[in-house]
Amino acid sequence: MTTYLRRILPLVGWVALAFSASITAVFVSTEGWYAALNKPTWNPPPWLFGPVWSTLYVAMGVSAWLVWRQGGWSQQRHRLTLFLVQWALNALWTPLFFGLHQIGLALADIIVLWLAIVATIASFARVSQVAAALLVPYLAWVSFATFLTFTIWRLN
């Protein structure tokens, strides 16, 4: 395998892993129940979520890849495990909120997700400032989503 492929294939893998958190959305519908919920006037339009999450998933994958490149699993096990924890919490939010209609559980999940992202950023910063910086927009979006989830929970 060429050096180029040895560098690119893991990058593609990390980005694919990040995107795979969105697979849970395939099993739920945002129609019906969600449309009937009371939402704040500042609730984002549906068309915004695809571009935002696509950008965030690419940044997440590149971020993890940058850390992984600094010694792989053997040297970055703790940091990459934090990444996987926040990834799993991210993947869990959609079925909790849209699938099970459990706004309170989704709120608890997203609060823990926010904490896990902060921990991941802090951990990644010790290895790569770029990797940490790539996660900052994700943290900002999840901060907004946490407030939105809280607001929807309160309104309903």
C-alpha atoms as a PDB file:
ATOM      1  CA  MET A   1       0.000   0.000   0.000  1.00  0.00           C
ATOM      2  CA  THR A   2       1.337   3.392  -0.875  1.00  0.00           C
ATOM      3  CA  THR A   3       2.091   6.010   1.755  1.00  0.00           C
ATOM      4  CA  TYR A   4      -0.694   8.144   0.320  1.00  0.00           C
ATOM      5  CA  LEU A   5      -3.281   5.385   0.830  1.00  0.00           C
ATOM      6  CA  ARG A   6      -1.994   4.674   4.340  1.00  0.00           C
ATOM      7  CA  ARG A   7      -2.744   8.292   5.213  1.00  0.00           C
ATOM      8  CA  ILE A   8      -6.002   8.747   3.305  1.00  0.00           C
ATOM      9  CA  LEU A   9      -7.798   5.499   4.156  1.00  0.00           C
ATOM     10  CA  PRO A  10      -7.730   6.148   7.924  1.00  0.00           C
ATOM     11  CA  LEU A  11      -8.961   9.704   7.296  1.00  0.00           C
ATOM     12  CA  VAL A  12     -11.853   8.355   5.240  1.00  0.00           C
ATOM     13  CA  GLY A  13     -12.543   5.825   7.987  1.00  0.00           C
ATOM     14  CA  TRP A  14     -12.697   8.439  10.743  1.00  0.00           C
ATOM     15  CA  VAL A  15     -14.961  10.687   8.666  1.00  0.00           C
ATOM     16  CA  ALA A  16     -17.188   7.706   7.814  1.00  0.00           C
ATOM     17  CA  LEU A  17     -17.377   6.799  11.502  1.00  0.00           C
ATOM     18  CA  ALA A  18     -18.385  10.355  12.393  1.00  0.00           C
ATOM     19  CA  PHE A  19     -21.109  10.332   9.716  1.00  0.00           C
ATOM     20  CA  SER A  20     -22.369   6.949  10.890  1.00  0.00           C
ATOM     21  CA  ALA A  21     -23.811   8.618  14.003  1.00  0.00           C
ATOM     22  CA  SER A  22     -26.496   9.966  11.676  1.00  0.00           C
ATOM     23  CA  ILE A  23     -27.648   6.463  10.726  1.00  0.00           C
ATOM     24  CA  THR A  24     -30.017   6.501  13.695  1.00  0.00           C
ATOM     25  CA  ALA A  25     -31.995   9.245  11.902  1.00  0.00           C
ATOM     26  CA  VAL A  26     -32.966   6.741   9.201  1.00  0.00           C
ATOM     27  CA  PHE A  27     -35.182   4.944  11.703  1.00  0.00           C
ATOM     28  CA  VAL A  28     -37.149   7.963  12.918  1.00  0.00           C
ATOM     29  CA  SER A  29     -39.456  10.544  11.406  1.00  0.00           C
ATOM     30  CA  THR A  30     -39.486  14.257  12.087  1.00  0.00           C
ATOM     31  CA  GLU A  31     -43.003  14.519  10.671  1.00  0.00           C
ATOM     32  CA  GLY A  32     -46.157  14.220  12.745  1.00  0.00           C
ATOM     33  CA  TRP A  33     -45.125  14.239  16.384  1.00  0.00           C
ATOM     34  CA  TYR A  34     -42.339  16.793  16.015  1.00  0.00           C
ATOM     35  CA  ALA A  35     -44.422  19.047  13.782  1.00  0.00           C
ATOM     36  CA  ALA A  36     -47.124  19.130  16.467  1.00  0.00           C
ATOM     37  CA  LEU A  37     -44.736  20.177  19.253  1.00  0.00           C
ATOM     38  CA  ASN A  38     -44.639  23.714  20.557  1.00  0.00           C
ATOM     39  CA  LYS A  39     -41.304  25.137  19.414  1.00  0.00           C
ATOM     40  CA  PRO A  40     -39.691  28.535  19.889  1.00  0.00           C
ATOM     41  CA  THR A  41     -39.812  31.035  17.058  1.00  0.00           C
ATOM     42  CA  TRP A  42     -36.024  30.704  16.713  1.00  0.00           C
ATOM     43  CA  ASN A  43     -36.239  26.976  15.939  1.00  0.00           C
ATOM     44  CA  PRO A  44     -34.002  26.437  12.868  1.00  0.00           C
ATOM     45  CA  PRO A  45     -35.656  25.538   9.559  1.00  0.00           C
ATOM     46  CA  PRO A  46     -35.413  21.830   8.639  1.00  0.00           C
ATOM     47  CA  TRP A  47     -33.221  22.476   5.566  1.00  0.00           C
ATOM     48  CA  LEU A  48     -30.417  23.805   7.803  1.00  0.00           C
ATOM     49  CA  PHE A  49     -29.698  20.549   9.632  1.00  0.00           C
ATOM     50  CA  GLY A  50     -28.246  18.592   6.691  1.00  0.00           C
ATOM     51  CA  PRO A  51     -25.549  21.113   5.749  1.00  0.00           C
ATOM     52  CA  VAL A  52     -24.677  21.882   9.371  1.00  0.00           C
ATOM     53  CA  TRP A  53     -24.338  18.251  10.423  1.00  0.00           C
ATOM     54  CA  SER A  54     -22.447  17.305   7.259  1.00  0.00           C
ATOM     55  CA  THR A  55     -19.891  20.009   7.995  1.00  0.00           C
ATOM     56  CA  LEU A  56     -19.666  19.025  11.656  1.00  0.00           C
ATOM     57  CA  TYR A  57     -19.231  15.313  10.888  1.00  0.00           C
ATOM     58  CA  VAL A  58     -16.378  16.050   8.468  1.00  0.00           C
ATOM     59  CA  ALA A  59     -14.692  18.244  11.103  1.00  0.00           C
ATOM     60  CA  MET A  60     -15.201  15.567  13.774  1.00  0.00           C
ATOM     61  CA  GLY A  61     -13.678  12.875  11.572  1.00  0.00           C
ATOM     62  CA  VAL A  62     -10.678  15.004  10.607  1.00  0.00           C
ATOM     63  CA  SER A  63     -10.186  15.933  14.262  1.00  0.00           C
ATOM     64  CA  ALA A  64     -10.123  12.293  15.397  1.00  0.00           C
ATOM     65  CA  TRP A  65      -7.819  11.386  12.514  1.00  0.00           C
ATOM     66  CA  LEU A  66      -5.346  14.113  13.495  1.00  0.00           C
ATOM     67  CA  VAL A  67      -5.170  12.703  17.014  1.00  0.00           C
ATOM     68  CA  TRP A  68      -5.034   9.103  15.788  1.00  0.00           C
ATOM     69  CA  ARG A  69      -2.053  10.032  13.575  1.00  0.00           C
ATOM     70  CA  GLN A  70      -0.071  10.858  16.718  1.00  0.00           C
ATOM     71  CA  GLY A  71       0.593   7.273  17.735  1.00  0.00           C
ATOM     72  CA  GLY A  72      -2.615   5.451  16.831  1.00  0.00           C
ATOM     73  CA  TRP A  73      -4.695   3.566  19.371  1.00  0.00           C
ATOM     74  CA  SER A  74      -1.687   2.477  21.376  1.00  0.00           C
ATOM     75  CA  GLN A  75      -0.764   6.060  22.318  1.00  0.00           C
ATOM     76  CA  GLN A  76      -4.136   7.808  22.004  1.00  0.00           C
ATOM     77  CA  ARG A  77      -6.520   5.227  23.468  1.00  0.00           C
ATOM     78  CA  HIS A  78      -7.879   7.541  26.189  1.00  0.00           C
ATOM     79  CA  ARG A  79      -8.428  10.481  23.831  1.00  0.00           C
ATOM     80  CA  LEU A  80     -10.019   8.390  21.100  1.00  0.00           C
ATOM     81  CA  THR A  81     -12.219   6.629  23.655  1.00  0.00           C
ATOM     82  CA  LEU A  82     -13.510  10.049  24.748  1.00  0.00           C
ATOM     83  CA  PHE A  83     -14.226  10.775  21.098  1.00  0.00           C
ATOM     84  CA  LEU A  84     -16.172   7.511  20.769  1.00  0.00           C
ATOM     85  CA  VAL A  85     -18.155   8.244  23.944  1.00  0.00           C
ATOM     86  CA  GLN A  86     -19.285  11.630  22.640  1.00  0.00           C
ATOM     87  CA  TRP A  87     -19.984  10.040  19.242  1.00  0.00           C
ATOM     88  CA  ALA A  88     -22.245   7.413  20.864  1.00  0.00           C
ATOM     89  CA  LEU A  89     -24.085  10.073  22.884  1.00  0.00           C
ATOM     90  CA  ASN A  90     -24.555  12.039  19.659  1.00  0.00           C
ATOM     91  CA  ALA A  91     -25.992   8.975  17.915  1.00  0.00           C
ATOM     92  CA  LEU A  92     -28.314   8.285  20.870  1.00  0.00           C
ATOM     93  CA  TRP A  93     -29.980  11.715  20.912  1.00  0.00           C
ATOM     94  CA  THR A  94     -31.988  11.276  17.700  1.00  0.00           C
ATOM     95  CA  PRO A  95     -33.734   8.020  18.655  1.00  0.00           C
ATOM     96  CA  LEU A  96     -34.410   9.346  22.164  1.00  0.00           C
ATOM     97  CA  PHE A  97     -35.929  12.582  20.912  1.00  0.00           C
ATOM     98  CA  PHE A  98     -37.545  11.705  17.577  1.00  0.00           C
ATOM     99  CA  GLY A  99     -37.963   7.938  17.905  1.00  0.00           C
ATOM    100  CA  LEU A 100     -39.091   7.494  21.505  1.00  0.00           C
ATOM    101  CA  HIS A 101     -40.423  11.054  21.957  1.00  0.00           C
ATOM    102  CA  GLN A 102     -38.547  11.256  25.247  1.00  0.00           C
ATOM    103  CA  ILE A 103     -37.635  14.926  25.367  1.00  0.00           C
ATOM    104  CA  GLY A 104     -36.448  14.731  28.989  1.00  0.00           C
ATOM    105  CA  LEU A 105     -34.132  11.791  28.290  1.00  0.00           C
ATOM    106  CA  ALA A 106     -32.885  13.515  25.141  1.00  0.00           C
ATOM    107  CA  LEU A 107     -32.154  16.607  27.245  1.00  0.00           C
ATOM    108  CA  ALA A 108     -30.191  14.523  29.759  1.00  0.00           C
ATOM    109  CA  ASP A 109     -28.305  12.865  26.888  1.00  0.00           C
ATOM    110  CA  ILE A 110     -27.385  16.157  25.235  1.00  0.00           C
ATOM    111  CA  ILE A 111     -26.142  17.626  28.523  1.00  0.00           C
ATOM    112  CA  VAL A 112     -23.847  14.628  29.001  1.00  0.00           C
ATOM    113  CA  LEU A 113     -22.884  14.912  25.308  1.00  0.00           C
ATOM    114  CA  TRP A 114     -21.913  18.553  25.849  1.00  0.00           C
ATOM    115  CA  LEU A 115     -19.695  17.564  28.779  1.00  0.00           C
ATOM    116  CA  ALA A 116     -18.135  14.755  26.729  1.00  0.00           C
ATOM    117  CA  ILE A 117     -17.363  17.164  23.871  1.00  0.00           C
ATOM    118  CA  VAL A 118     -15.692  19.583  26.298  1.00  0.00           C
ATOM    119  CA  ALA A 119     -13.615  16.711  27.707  1.00  0.00           C
ATOM    120  CA  THR A 120     -12.704  15.561  24.187  1.00  0.00           C
ATOM    121  CA  ILE A 121     -11.636  19.054  23.150  1.00  0.00           C
ATOM    122  CA  ALA A 122      -9.486  19.428  26.266  1.00  0.00           C
ATOM    123  CA  SER A 123      -7.920  16.020  25.697  1.00  0.00           C
ATOM    124  CA  PHE A 124      -7.343  16.577  21.969  1.00  0.00           C
ATOM    125  CA  ALA A 125      -5.747  19.985  22.647  1.00  0.00           C
ATOM    126  CA  ARG A 126      -2.862  18.226  24.427  1.00  0.00           C
ATOM    127  CA  VAL A 127      -2.029  16.474  21.144  1.00  0.00           C
ATOM    128  CA  SER A 128      -3.221  18.842  18.410  1.00  0.00           C
ATOM    129  CA  GLN A 129      -4.556  22.377  18.670  1.00  0.00           C
ATOM    130  CA  VAL A 130      -6.034  21.977  15.192  1.00  0.00           C
ATOM    131  CA  ALA A 131      -7.907  18.811  16.228  1.00  0.00           C
ATOM    132  CA  ALA A 132      -9.301  20.619  19.262  1.00  0.00           C
ATOM    133  CA  ALA A 133     -10.266  23.685  17.220  1.00  0.00           C
ATOM    134  CA  LEU A 134     -12.114  21.533  14.691  1.00  0.00           C
ATOM    135  CA  LEU A 135     -14.472  20.443  17.480  1.00  0.00           C
ATOM    136  CA  VAL A 136     -15.335  23.983  18.632  1.00  0.00           C
ATOM    137  CA  PRO A 137     -18.103  24.536  16.019  1.00  0.00           C
ATOM    138  CA  TYR A 138     -19.562  21.167  17.064  1.00  0.00           C
ATOM    139  CA  LEU A 139     -19.568  22.311  20.682  1.00  0.00           C
ATOM    140  CA  ALA A 140     -21.241  25.578  19.643  1.00  0.00           C
ATOM    141  CA  TRP A 141     -23.965  23.729  17.712  1.00  0.00           C
ATOM    142  CA  VAL A 142     -24.563  21.269  20.555  1.00  0.00           C
ATOM    143  CA  SER A 143     -24.724  24.218  22.974  1.00  0.00           C
ATOM    144  CA  PHE A 144     -27.457  25.735  20.811  1.00  0.00           C
ATOM    145  CA  ALA A 145     -29.190  22.340  20.469  1.00  0.00           C
ATOM    146  CA  THR A 146     -29.072  21.863  24.247  1.00  0.00           C
ATOM    147  CA  PHE A 147     -30.834  25.172  24.784  1.00  0.00           C
ATOM    148  CA  LEU A 148     -33.324  24.324  22.035  1.00  0.00           C
ATOM    149  CA  THR A 149     -34.019  20.881  23.523  1.00  0.00           C
ATOM    150  CA  PHE A 150     -34.502  22.460  26.959  1.00  0.00           C
ATOM    151  CA  THR A 151     -36.881  25.039  25.501  1.00  0.00           C
ATOM    152  CA  ILE A 152     -38.940  22.412  23.659  1.00  0.00           C
ATOM    153  CA  TRP A 153     -39.049  20.310  26.836  1.00  0.00           C
ATOM    154  CA  ARG A 154     -40.326  23.322  28.813  1.00  0.00           C
ATOM    155  CA  LEU A 155     -42.905  24.242  26.160  1.00  0.00           C
ATOM    156  CA  ASN A 156     -44.269  20.732  25.974  1.00  0.00           C
END
